[in-house]
C-alpha atoms as a PDB file:
ATOM      1  CA  UNK A   1     -47.534  19.267 -12.633  1.00  0.00           C
ATOM      2  CA  UNK A   2     -49.344  17.973 -15.714  1.00  0.00           C
ATOM      3  CA  UNK A   3     -49.601  14.535 -14.116  1.00  0.00           C
ATOM      4  CA  UNK A   4     -51.051  16.120 -10.984  1.00  0.00           C
ATOM      5  CA  UNK A   5     -53.665  18.086 -12.947  1.00  0.00           C
ATOM      6  CA  UNK A   6     -54.749  15.011 -14.910  1.00  0.00           C
ATOM      7  CA  UNK A   7     -54.991  12.899 -11.751  1.00  0.00           C
ATOM      8  CA  UNK A   8     -57.038  15.528  -9.916  1.00  0.00           C
ATOM      9  CA  UNK A   9     -59.338  15.957 -12.915  1.00  0.00           C
ATOM     10  CA  UNK A  10     -59.989  12.224 -13.119  1.00  0.00           C
ATOM     11  CA  UNK A  11     -60.672  12.043  -9.384  1.00  0.00           C
ATOM     12  CA  UNK A  12     -63.279  14.792  -9.706  1.00  0.00           C
ATOM     13  CA  UNK A  13     -65.676  12.621 -11.720  1.00  0.00           C
ATOM     14  CA  UNK A  14     -66.443  10.158  -8.889  1.00  0.00           C
ATOM     15  CA  UNK A  15     -66.923  13.133  -6.576  1.00  0.00           C
ATOM     16  CA  UNK A  16     -69.409  14.775  -8.938  1.00  0.00           C
ATOM     17  CA  UNK A  17     -71.212  11.452  -9.421  1.00  0.00           C
ATOM     18  CA  UNK A  18     -71.549  10.949  -5.665  1.00  0.00           C
ATOM     19  CA  UNK A  19     -72.726  14.545  -5.235  1.00  0.00           C
ATOM     20  CA  UNK A  20     -75.380  14.155  -7.933  1.00  0.00           C
ATOM     21  CA  UNK A  21     -76.549  10.812  -6.547  1.00  0.00           C
ATOM     22  CA  UNK A  22     -76.893  12.116  -2.982  1.00  0.00           C
ATOM     23  CA  UNK A  23     -78.738  15.217  -4.180  1.00  0.00           C
ATOM     24  CA  UNK A  24     -81.108  13.137  -6.301  1.00  0.00           C
ATOM     25  CA  UNK A  25     -81.933  10.783  -3.425  1.00  0.00           C
ATOM     26  CA  UNK A  26     -82.471  13.636  -0.970  1.00  0.00           C
ATOM     27  CA  UNK A  27     -84.844  15.571  -3.198  1.00  0.00           C
ATOM     28  CA  UNK A  28     -86.764  12.409  -4.106  1.00  0.00           C
ATOM     29  CA  UNK A  29     -87.399  11.406  -0.482  1.00  0.00           C
ATOM     30  CA  UNK A  30     -88.747  14.898   0.316  1.00  0.00           C
ATOM     31  CA  UNK A  31     -92.567  15.050   0.440  1.00  0.00           C
ATOM     32  CA  UNK A  32     -94.466  16.265  -2.603  1.00  0.00           C
ATOM     33  CA  UNK A  33     -93.691  16.156  -6.270  1.00  0.00           C
ATOM     34  CA  UNK A  34     -93.016  18.518  -9.168  1.00  0.00           C
ATOM     35  CA  UNK A  35     -96.708  18.734 -10.112  1.00  0.00           C
ATOM     36  CA  UNK A  36     -98.342  18.472  -6.688  1.00  0.00           C
ATOM     37  CA  UNK A  37     -98.711  22.258  -6.338  1.00  0.00           C
ATOM     38  CA  UNK A  38    -100.499  22.747  -9.665  1.00  0.00           C
ATOM     39  CA  UNK A  39    -104.161  23.651  -9.822  1.00  0.00           C
ATOM     40  CA  UNK A  40    -106.527  20.766  -9.267  1.00  0.00           C
ATOM     41  CA  UNK A  41    -106.784  18.518 -12.280  1.00  0.00           C
ATOM     42  CA  UNK A  42    -108.292  15.064 -12.722  1.00  0.00           C
ATOM     43  CA  UNK A  43    -106.111  12.297 -11.384  1.00  0.00           C
ATOM     44  CA  UNK A  44    -105.854  10.714 -14.813  1.00  0.00           C
ATOM     45  CA  UNK A  45    -104.487  13.947 -16.313  1.00  0.00           C
ATOM     46  CA  UNK A  46    -101.847  14.272 -13.579  1.00  0.00           C
ATOM     47  CA  UNK A  47    -100.795  10.660 -14.043  1.00  0.00           C
ATOM     48  CA  UNK A  48    -100.406  11.222 -17.780  1.00  0.00           C
ATOM     49  CA  UNK A  49     -98.190  14.262 -17.132  1.00  0.00           C
ATOM     50  CA  UNK A  50     -96.026  12.342 -14.672  1.00  0.00           C
ATOM     51  CA  UNK A  51     -95.750   9.430 -17.091  1.00  0.00           C
ATOM     52  CA  UNK A  52     -94.655  11.815 -19.835  1.00  0.00           C
ATOM     53  CA  UNK A  53     -91.729  12.846 -17.596  1.00  0.00           C
ATOM     54  CA  UNK A  54     -91.032   9.198 -16.600  1.00  0.00           C
ATOM     55  CA  UNK A  55     -91.663   9.938 -12.913  1.00  0.00           C
ATOM     56  CA  UNK A  56     -93.173   6.488 -12.342  1.00  0.00           C
ATOM     57  CA  UNK A  57     -90.092   4.671 -13.595  1.00  0.00           C
ATOM     58  CA  UNK A  58     -87.735   3.127 -11.013  1.00  0.00           C
ATOM     59  CA  UNK A  59     -85.563   5.698  -9.280  1.00  0.00           C
ATOM     60  CA  UNK A  60     -82.330   4.111 -10.487  1.00  0.00           C
ATOM     61  CA  UNK A  61     -83.617   4.222 -14.069  1.00  0.00           C
ATOM     62  CA  UNK A  62     -84.547   7.911 -13.756  1.00  0.00           C
ATOM     63  CA  UNK A  63     -81.124   8.735 -12.365  1.00  0.00           C
ATOM     64  CA  UNK A  64     -79.353   6.690 -15.047  1.00  0.00           C
ATOM     65  CA  UNK A  65     -81.316   8.384 -17.831  1.00  0.00           C
ATOM     66  CA  UNK A  66     -80.502  11.812 -16.434  1.00  0.00           C
ATOM     67  CA  UNK A  67     -76.807  11.055 -15.876  1.00  0.00           C
ATOM     68  CA  UNK A  68     -76.460   9.692 -19.407  1.00  0.00           C
ATOM     69  CA  UNK A  69     -77.836  12.997 -20.651  1.00  0.00           C
ATOM     70  CA  UNK A  70     -75.335  14.922 -18.515  1.00  0.00           C
ATOM     71  CA  UNK A  71     -72.493  13.021 -20.160  1.00  0.00           C
ATOM     72  CA  UNK A  72     -73.811  14.486 -23.423  1.00  0.00           C
ATOM     73  CA  UNK A  73     -74.173  17.983 -21.845  1.00  0.00           C
ATOM     74  CA  UNK A  74     -77.960  17.640 -21.723  1.00  0.00           C
ATOM     75  CA  UNK A  75     -79.456  18.386 -18.294  1.00  0.00           C
ATOM     76  CA  UNK A  76     -82.991  17.682 -19.449  1.00  0.00           C
ATOM     77  CA  UNK A  77     -86.157  19.816 -19.444  1.00  0.00           C
ATOM     78  CA  UNK A  78     -87.185  21.956 -16.493  1.00  0.00           C
ATOM     79  CA  UNK A  79     -90.400  20.859 -14.750  1.00  0.00           C
ATOM     80  CA  UNK A  80     -91.197  24.368 -13.506  1.00  0.00           C
ATOM     81  CA  UNK A  81     -90.152  26.404 -16.561  1.00  0.00           C
ATOM     82  CA  UNK A  82     -91.649  24.030 -19.096  1.00  0.00           C
ATOM     83  CA  UNK A  83     -90.719  26.013 -22.196  1.00  0.00           C
ATOM     84  CA  UNK A  84     -87.014  25.884 -21.327  1.00  0.00           C
ATOM     85  CA  UNK A  85     -84.359  23.282 -20.739  1.00  0.00           C
ATOM     86  CA  UNK A  86     -82.134  23.360 -17.679  1.00  0.00           C
ATOM     87  CA  UNK A  87     -79.134  24.163 -19.864  1.00  0.00           C
ATOM     88  CA  UNK A  88     -80.877  27.224 -21.307  1.00  0.00           C
ATOM     89  CA  UNK A  89     -81.787  28.524 -17.840  1.00  0.00           C
ATOM     90  CA  UNK A  90     -78.241  28.011 -16.571  1.00  0.00           C
ATOM     91  CA  UNK A  91     -76.829  29.783 -19.628  1.00  0.00           C
ATOM     92  CA  UNK A  92     -79.192  32.692 -18.950  1.00  0.00           C
ATOM     93  CA  UNK A  93     -78.548  33.133 -15.224  1.00  0.00           C
ATOM     94  CA  UNK A  94     -74.997  31.954 -14.622  1.00  0.00           C
ATOM     95  CA  UNK A  95     -73.149  34.819 -16.405  1.00  0.00           C
ATOM     96  CA  UNK A  96     -74.826  37.325 -14.079  1.00  0.00           C
ATOM     97  CA  UNK A  97     -73.969  35.324 -10.957  1.00  0.00           C
ATOM     98  CA  UNK A  98     -70.415  34.884 -12.244  1.00  0.00           C
ATOM     99  CA  UNK A  99     -69.989  38.609 -12.862  1.00  0.00           C
ATOM    100  CA  UNK A 100     -71.225  39.607  -9.417  1.00  0.00           C
ATOM    101  CA  UNK A 101     -69.146  36.933  -7.690  1.00  0.00           C
ATOM    102  CA  UNK A 102     -65.892  37.647  -9.529  1.00  0.00           C
ATOM    103  CA  UNK A 103     -66.150  41.406  -9.005  1.00  0.00           C
ATOM    104  CA  UNK A 104     -66.859  40.831  -5.312  1.00  0.00           C
ATOM    105  CA  UNK A 105     -63.819  38.564  -4.980  1.00  0.00           C
ATOM    106  CA  UNK A 106     -61.567  40.970  -6.906  1.00  0.00           C
ATOM    107  CA  UNK A 107     -62.528  43.857  -4.632  1.00  0.00           C
ATOM    108  CA  UNK A 108     -62.299  41.786  -1.460  1.00  0.00           C
ATOM    109  CA  UNK A 109     -58.869  40.461  -2.436  1.00  0.00           C
ATOM    110  CA  UNK A 110     -57.350  43.851  -3.231  1.00  0.00           C
ATOM    111  CA  UNK A 111     -58.890  45.675  -0.280  1.00  0.00           C
ATOM    112  CA  UNK A 112     -58.276  42.788   2.118  1.00  0.00           C
ATOM    113  CA  UNK A 113     -54.612  42.475   1.154  1.00  0.00           C
ATOM    114  CA  UNK A 114     -54.073  46.218   1.479  1.00  0.00           C
ATOM    115  CA  UNK A 115     -55.735  46.363   4.905  1.00  0.00           C
ATOM    116  CA  UNK A 116     -53.907  43.276   6.128  1.00  0.00           C
ATOM    117  CA  UNK A 117     -50.474  44.518   5.050  1.00  0.00           C
ATOM    118  CA  UNK A 118     -51.101  48.008   6.428  1.00  0.00           C
ATOM    119  CA  UNK A 119     -52.314  46.604   9.738  1.00  0.00           C
ATOM    120  CA  UNK A 120     -49.332  44.269  10.071  1.00  0.00           C
ATOM    121  CA  UNK A 121     -46.734  46.944   9.283  1.00  0.00           C
ATOM    122  CA  UNK A 122     -48.390  49.527  11.569  1.00  0.00           C
ATOM    123  CA  UNK A 123     -49.491  47.383  14.453  1.00  0.00           C
ATOM    124  CA  UNK A 124     -51.578  49.032  17.187  1.00  0.00           C
ATOM    125  CA  UNK A 125     -51.805  52.214  15.153  1.00  0.00           C
ATOM    126  CA  UNK A 126     -54.778  54.026  13.603  1.00  0.00           C
ATOM    127  CA  UNK A 127     -54.517  52.067  10.352  1.00  0.00           C
ATOM    128  CA  UNK A 128     -54.492  48.762  12.232  1.00  0.00           C
ATOM    129  CA  UNK A 129     -57.538  49.772  14.284  1.00  0.00           C
ATOM    130  CA  UNK A 130     -59.466  50.866  11.191  1.00  0.00           C
ATOM    131  CA  UNK A 131     -58.638  47.613   9.411  1.00  0.00           C
ATOM    132  CA  UNK A 132     -59.704  45.644  12.468  1.00  0.00           C
ATOM    133  CA  UNK A 133     -62.978  47.568  12.703  1.00  0.00           C
ATOM    134  CA  UNK A 134     -63.796  46.883   9.058  1.00  0.00           C
ATOM    135  CA  UNK A 135     -62.995  43.214   9.584  1.00  0.00           C
ATOM    136  CA  UNK A 136     -65.229  42.985  12.642  1.00  0.00           C
ATOM    137  CA  UNK A 137     -68.135  44.605  10.778  1.00  0.00           C
ATOM    138  CA  UNK A 138     -67.737  42.188   7.894  1.00  0.00           C
ATOM    139  CA  UNK A 139     -67.576  39.188  10.226  1.00  0.00           C
ATOM    140  CA  UNK A 140     -70.246  40.180  12.743  1.00  0.00           C
ATOM    141  CA  UNK A 141     -73.001  41.558  10.506  1.00  0.00           C
ATOM    142  CA  UNK A 142     -74.492  39.091   7.994  1.00  0.00           C
ATOM    143  CA  UNK A 143     -75.079  40.130   4.397  1.00  0.00           C
ATOM    144  CA  UNK A 144     -78.860  39.831   4.746  1.00  0.00           C
ATOM    145  CA  UNK A 145     -78.602  42.735   7.221  1.00  0.00           C
ATOM    146  CA  UNK A 146     -75.972  44.781   5.361  1.00  0.00           C
ATOM    147  CA  UNK A 147     -77.909  44.550   2.081  1.00  0.00           C
ATOM    148  CA  UNK A 148     -81.209  46.053   3.323  1.00  0.00           C
ATOM    149  CA  UNK A 149     -79.310  48.694   5.325  1.00  0.00           C
ATOM    150  CA  UNK A 150     -77.496  49.754   2.155  1.00  0.00           C
ATOM    151  CA  UNK A 151     -80.793  49.911   0.299  1.00  0.00           C
ATOM    152  CA  UNK A 152     -82.285  52.154   2.988  1.00  0.00           C
ATOM    153  CA  UNK A 153     -79.286  54.490   3.282  1.00  0.00           C
ATOM    154  CA  UNK A 154     -77.967  54.718  -0.290  1.00  0.00           C
ATOM    155  CA  UNK A 155     -81.182  53.947  -2.126  1.00  0.00           C
ATOM    156  CA  UNK A 156     -84.014  55.575  -0.176  1.00  0.00           C
ATOM    157  CA  UNK A 157     -82.428  58.307   1.933  1.00  0.00           C
ATOM    158  CA  UNK A 158     -79.500  59.492  -0.215  1.00  0.00           C
ATOM    159  CA  UNK A 159     -80.970  58.342  -3.543  1.00  0.00           C
ATOM    160  CA  UNK A 160     -77.497  57.595  -4.884  1.00  0.00           C
ATOM    161  CA  UNK A 161     -78.096  54.070  -6.167  1.00  0.00           C
ATOM    162  CA  UNK A 162     -81.108  52.018  -7.295  1.00  0.00           C
ATOM    163  CA  UNK A 163     -82.593  49.800  -4.611  1.00  0.00           C
ATOM    164  CA  UNK A 164     -82.956  46.667  -6.711  1.00  0.00           C
ATOM    165  CA  UNK A 165     -83.153  45.414 -10.261  1.00  0.00           C
ATOM    166  CA  UNK A 166     -80.637  44.701 -12.996  1.00  0.00           C
ATOM    167  CA  UNK A 167     -80.073  46.272 -16.374  1.00  0.00           C
ATOM    168  CA  UNK A 168     -76.312  45.681 -16.666  1.00  0.00           C
ATOM    169  CA  UNK A 169     -75.270  49.233 -15.743  1.00  0.00           C
ATOM    170  CA  UNK A 170     -72.758  49.886 -12.974  1.00  0.00           C
ATOM    171  CA  UNK A 171     -75.317  51.647 -10.769  1.00  0.00           C
ATOM    172  CA  UNK A 172     -77.171  48.366 -10.233  1.00  0.00           C
ATOM    173  CA  UNK A 173     -73.949  46.463  -9.530  1.00  0.00           C
ATOM    174  CA  UNK A 174     -72.372  48.607  -6.806  1.00  0.00           C
ATOM    175  CA  UNK A 175     -74.465  47.670  -3.778  1.00  0.00           C
ATOM    176  CA  UNK A 176     -74.748  43.902  -4.365  1.00  0.00           C
ATOM    177  CA  UNK A 177     -71.050  43.568  -5.178  1.00  0.00           C
ATOM    178  CA  UNK A 178     -69.892  45.551  -2.140  1.00  0.00           C
ATOM    179  CA  UNK A 179     -72.348  43.726   0.122  1.00  0.00           C
ATOM    180  CA  UNK A 180     -71.072  40.373  -1.103  1.00  0.00           C
ATOM    181  CA  UNK A 181     -67.434  41.493  -0.798  1.00  0.00           C
ATOM    182  CA  UNK A 182     -67.532  42.705   2.816  1.00  0.00           C
ATOM    183  CA  UNK A 183     -67.275  39.299   4.555  1.00  0.00           C
ATOM    184  CA  UNK A 184     -64.389  38.237   2.318  1.00  0.00           C
ATOM    185  CA  UNK A 185     -62.607  41.547   2.936  1.00  0.00           C
ATOM    186  CA  UNK A 186     -62.736  40.740   6.624  1.00  0.00           C
ATOM    187  CA  UNK A 187     -61.357  37.216   6.214  1.00  0.00           C
ATOM    188  CA  UNK A 188     -58.625  38.188   3.761  1.00  0.00           C
ATOM    189  CA  UNK A 189     -57.444  41.143   5.854  1.00  0.00           C
ATOM    190  CA  UNK A 190     -57.217  39.110   9.063  1.00  0.00           C
ATOM    191  CA  UNK A 191     -55.433  36.238   7.324  1.00  0.00           C
ATOM    192  CA  UNK A 192     -52.982  38.589   5.625  1.00  0.00           C
ATOM    193  CA  UNK A 193     -52.304  40.549   8.802  1.00  0.00           C
ATOM    194  CA  UNK A 194     -51.490  37.478  10.874  1.00  0.00           C
ATOM    195  CA  UNK A 195     -49.414  35.859   8.146  1.00  0.00           C
ATOM    196  CA  UNK A 196     -47.476  39.069   7.420  1.00  0.00           C
ATOM    197  CA  UNK A 197     -46.630  39.562  11.098  1.00  0.00           C
ATOM    198  CA  UNK A 198     -45.143  36.064  11.220  1.00  0.00           C
ATOM    199  CA  UNK A 199     -43.330  36.409   7.899  1.00  0.00           C
ATOM    200  CA  UNK A 200     -41.545  39.669   8.670  1.00  0.00           C
ATOM    201  CA  UNK A 201     -39.971  37.941  11.674  1.00  0.00           C
ATOM    202  CA  UNK A 202     -38.423  35.151   9.619  1.00  0.00           C
ATOM    203  CA  UNK A 203     -34.697  34.919   8.982  1.00  0.00           C
ATOM    204  CA  UNK A 204     -34.828  35.434   5.210  1.00  0.00           C
ATOM    205  CA  UNK A 205     -36.723  38.718   5.623  1.00  0.00           C
ATOM    206  CA  UNK A 206     -34.239  39.882   8.258  1.00  0.00           C
ATOM    207  CA  UNK A 207     -31.409  38.995   5.881  1.00  0.00           C
ATOM    208  CA  UNK A 208     -33.037  40.980   3.072  1.00  0.00           C
ATOM    209  CA  UNK A 209     -33.336  43.997   5.364  1.00  0.00           C
ATOM    210  CA  UNK A 210     -29.721  43.617   6.440  1.00  0.00           C
ATOM    211  CA  UNK A 211     -28.646  43.870   2.797  1.00  0.00           C
ATOM    212  CA  UNK A 212     -30.175  47.352   2.703  1.00  0.00           C
ATOM    213  CA  UNK A 213     -32.378  46.838  -0.356  1.00  0.00           C
ATOM    214  CA  UNK A 214     -35.159  49.065   0.967  1.00  0.00           C
ATOM    215  CA  UNK A 215     -38.252  48.383   3.046  1.00  0.00           C
ATOM    216  CA  UNK A 216     -40.713  48.482   0.142  1.00  0.00           C
ATOM    217  CA  UNK A 217     -38.712  45.951  -1.867  1.00  0.00           C
ATOM    218  CA  UNK A 218     -38.342  43.713   1.188  1.00  0.00           C
ATOM    219  CA  UNK A 219     -42.102  43.661   1.726  1.00  0.00           C
ATOM    220  CA  UNK A 220     -43.198  43.292  -1.907  1.00  0.00           C
ATOM    221  CA  UNK A 221     -40.519  40.917  -3.180  1.00  0.00           C
ATOM    222  CA  UNK A 222     -39.678  38.808  -0.135  1.00  0.00           C
ATOM    223  CA  UNK A 223     -42.254  39.005   2.651  1.00  0.00           C
ATOM    224  CA  UNK A 224     -45.297  39.197   0.380  1.00  0.00           C
ATOM    225  CA  UNK A 225     -44.547  35.915  -1.370  1.00  0.00           C
ATOM    226  CA  UNK A 226     -44.502  33.957   1.859  1.00  0.00           C
ATOM    227  CA  UNK A 227     -47.267  35.809   3.649  1.00  0.00           C
ATOM    228  CA  UNK A 228     -49.813  35.435   0.866  1.00  0.00           C
ATOM    229  CA  UNK A 229     -49.854  31.614   0.962  1.00  0.00           C
ATOM    230  CA  UNK A 230     -52.695  31.299   3.531  1.00  0.00           C
ATOM    231  CA  UNK A 231     -54.699  33.865   1.567  1.00  0.00           C
ATOM    232  CA  UNK A 232     -54.267  31.889  -1.672  1.00  0.00           C
ATOM    233  CA  UNK A 233     -55.440  28.738   0.103  1.00  0.00           C
ATOM    234  CA  UNK A 234     -58.551  30.612   1.262  1.00  0.00           C
ATOM    235  CA  UNK A 235     -59.324  32.402  -2.008  1.00  0.00           C
ATOM    236  CA  UNK A 236     -59.892  29.260  -4.064  1.00  0.00           C
ATOM    237  CA  UNK A 237     -62.833  27.803  -2.112  1.00  0.00           C
ATOM    238  CA  UNK A 238     -64.051  31.300  -1.198  1.00  0.00           C
ATOM    239  CA  UNK A 239     -64.265  32.291  -4.863  1.00  0.00           C
ATOM    240  CA  UNK A 240     -66.269  29.191  -5.703  1.00  0.00           C
ATOM    241  CA  UNK A 241     -68.623  29.743  -2.779  1.00  0.00           C
ATOM    242  CA  UNK A 242     -69.028  33.443  -3.577  1.00  0.00           C
ATOM    243  CA  UNK A 243     -69.762  32.830  -7.259  1.00  0.00           C
ATOM    244  CA  UNK A 244     -72.218  30.016  -6.573  1.00  0.00           C
ATOM    245  CA  UNK A 245     -73.548  31.082  -3.192  1.00  0.00           C
ATOM    246  CA  UNK A 246     -74.912  34.577  -3.824  1.00  0.00           C
ATOM    247  CA  UNK A 247     -78.535  33.391  -3.536  1.00  0.00           C
ATOM    248  CA  UNK A 248     -79.287  35.811  -0.700  1.00  0.00           C
ATOM    249  CA  UNK A 249     -77.788  38.755  -2.592  1.00  0.00           C
ATOM    250  CA  UNK A 250     -79.706  37.867  -5.742  1.00  0.00           C
ATOM    251  CA  UNK A 251     -82.938  37.714  -3.743  1.00  0.00           C
ATOM    252  CA  UNK A 252     -82.374  40.989  -1.879  1.00  0.00           C
ATOM    253  CA  UNK A 253     -81.379  43.013  -4.940  1.00  0.00           C
ATOM    254  CA  UNK A 254     -83.561  41.265  -7.518  1.00  0.00           C
ATOM    255  CA  UNK A 255     -80.627  39.987  -9.597  1.00  0.00           C
ATOM    256  CA  UNK A 256     -81.581  37.507 -12.354  1.00  0.00           C
ATOM    257  CA  UNK A 257     -78.858  35.035 -11.491  1.00  0.00           C
ATOM    258  CA  UNK A 258     -78.821  31.288 -11.232  1.00  0.00           C
ATOM    259  CA  UNK A 259     -79.561  31.273  -7.509  1.00  0.00           C
ATOM    260  CA  UNK A 260     -83.267  31.907  -7.906  1.00  0.00           C
ATOM    261  CA  UNK A 261     -83.590  28.985 -10.312  1.00  0.00           C
ATOM    262  CA  UNK A 262     -81.964  26.725  -7.745  1.00  0.00           C
ATOM    263  CA  UNK A 263     -84.277  27.885  -4.939  1.00  0.00           C
ATOM    264  CA  UNK A 264     -87.400  27.652  -7.112  1.00  0.00           C
ATOM    265  CA  UNK A 265     -86.309  24.235  -8.294  1.00  0.00           C
ATOM    266  CA  UNK A 266     -85.829  22.946  -4.756  1.00  0.00           C
ATOM    267  CA  UNK A 267     -89.217  24.281  -3.626  1.00  0.00           C
ATOM    268  CA  UNK A 268     -91.125  22.945  -6.639  1.00  0.00           C
ATOM    269  CA  UNK A 269     -89.183  19.622  -6.770  1.00  0.00           C
ATOM    270  CA  UNK A 270     -87.783  20.478 -10.189  1.00  0.00           C
ATOM    271  CA  UNK A 271     -85.406  17.507 -10.217  1.00  0.00           C
ATOM    272  CA  UNK A 272     -83.453  18.314 -13.404  1.00  0.00           C
ATOM    273  CA  UNK A 273     -82.933  21.944 -12.337  1.00  0.00           C
ATOM    274  CA  UNK A 274     -81.655  21.086  -8.856  1.00  0.00           C
ATOM    275  CA  UNK A 275     -79.410  18.360 -10.211  1.00  0.00           C
ATOM    276  CA  UNK A 276     -78.031  20.508 -13.029  1.00  0.00           C
ATOM    277  CA  UNK A 277     -77.179  23.422 -10.759  1.00  0.00           C
ATOM    278  CA  UNK A 278     -75.677  21.067  -8.158  1.00  0.00           C
ATOM    279  CA  UNK A 279     -73.344  19.495 -10.709  1.00  0.00           C
ATOM    280  CA  UNK A 280     -72.376  22.962 -11.952  1.00  0.00           C
ATOM    281  CA  UNK A 281     -71.636  24.165  -8.423  1.00  0.00           C
ATOM    282  CA  UNK A 282     -69.634  21.028  -7.645  1.00  0.00           C
ATOM    283  CA  UNK A 283     -67.577  21.405 -10.815  1.00  0.00           C
ATOM    284  CA  UNK A 284     -66.785  25.041  -9.997  1.00  0.00           C
ATOM    285  CA  UNK A 285     -65.652  24.174  -6.469  1.00  0.00           C
ATOM    286  CA  UNK A 286     -63.426  21.331  -7.715  1.00  0.00           C
ATOM    287  CA  UNK A 287     -61.918  23.600 -10.390  1.00  0.00           C
ATOM    288  CA  UNK A 288     -61.286  26.373  -7.851  1.00  0.00           C
ATOM    289  CA  UNK A 289     -59.493  23.975  -5.495  1.00  0.00           C
ATOM    290  CA  UNK A 290     -57.389  22.651  -8.378  1.00  0.00           C
ATOM    291  CA  UNK A 291     -56.355  26.165  -9.418  1.00  0.00           C
ATOM    292  CA  UNK A 292     -55.531  26.970  -5.795  1.00  0.00           C
ATOM    293  CA  UNK A 293     -53.170  23.999  -5.547  1.00  0.00           C
ATOM    294  CA  UNK A 294     -51.471  24.962  -8.809  1.00  0.00           C
ATOM    295  CA  UNK A 295     -50.957  28.584  -7.726  1.00  0.00           C
ATOM    296  CA  UNK A 296     -49.608  27.475  -4.339  1.00  0.00           C
ATOM    297  CA  UNK A 297     -47.134  25.222  -6.096  1.00  0.00           C
ATOM    298  CA  UNK A 298     -45.986  28.076  -8.320  1.00  0.00           C
ATOM    299  CA  UNK A 299     -45.467  30.379  -5.316  1.00  0.00           C
ATOM    300  CA  UNK A 300     -43.868  27.826  -3.017  1.00  0.00           C
ATOM    301  CA  UNK A 301     -41.505  25.219  -4.506  1.00  0.00           C
ATOM    302  CA  UNK A 302     -41.841  23.169  -1.284  1.00  0.00           C
ATOM    303  CA  UNK A 303     -45.444  22.300  -2.157  1.00  0.00           C
ATOM    304  CA  UNK A 304     -45.462  18.744  -3.479  1.00  0.00           C
ATOM    305  CA  UNK A 305     -47.722  17.483  -6.243  1.00  0.00           C
ATOM    306  CA  UNK A 306     -47.276  13.851  -5.252  1.00  0.00           C
END
């Protein structure tokens, strides 16, 4: 396994390099520049500012200078937030995005597994129908609709929770976390339900039942281990996407996460910010996929690391 982890880690560097290069080229060919939206200033002043940030150097030289800084964990200064470096902005916003994303995935995993198992063991019953209804709501209604509806119902009408903002207290975390968790609850529950139905029909589960060890032990010790494999394969990429892709949630609920820096950077052509966040997102996705493969190998000895 150690050989597999080292090989996958080494292979991730070319992937991150290609991702950064493609992102840099795409944002550079877009119209406008990082200082084109500023108030009108003499042309000479604007040229001096752009020269100070080396924007008139060859593109390959700009990219090489930036990538050399990344190798030293220096993402460069932000063009939009000129009193801060990209690393400082990421360090300020990423912990909040990480907290919201991890809580959302924890809730979606527990609730989704419970609904999926209950639906599979009580097929075509009330529990199965309720689980299916929750899954359909999570799949059919996008989060940019669920979020404002929750703000109207629980924030304005019932006055149970604050509408938006962030001060670190649990009251401000409930609505964004639940809103972000709903789609994953739907996916996890449907995956677990289908996989559990197939697993309980396998020969080794029938043998365990024939031994008379009890239904609960059969499900938790034998069927659960095989049925959860598709869910594990889904949770790795889903966790990375949820942690890094909560831009809509952060906008709706006014959360000071890293998503707003990425959006502002893309709009204002803040090259170092977009590149820094892209590399961070790519690294998280690669790490999540690596952890998923390791967990799958621990659960299923048939998974090969070759």
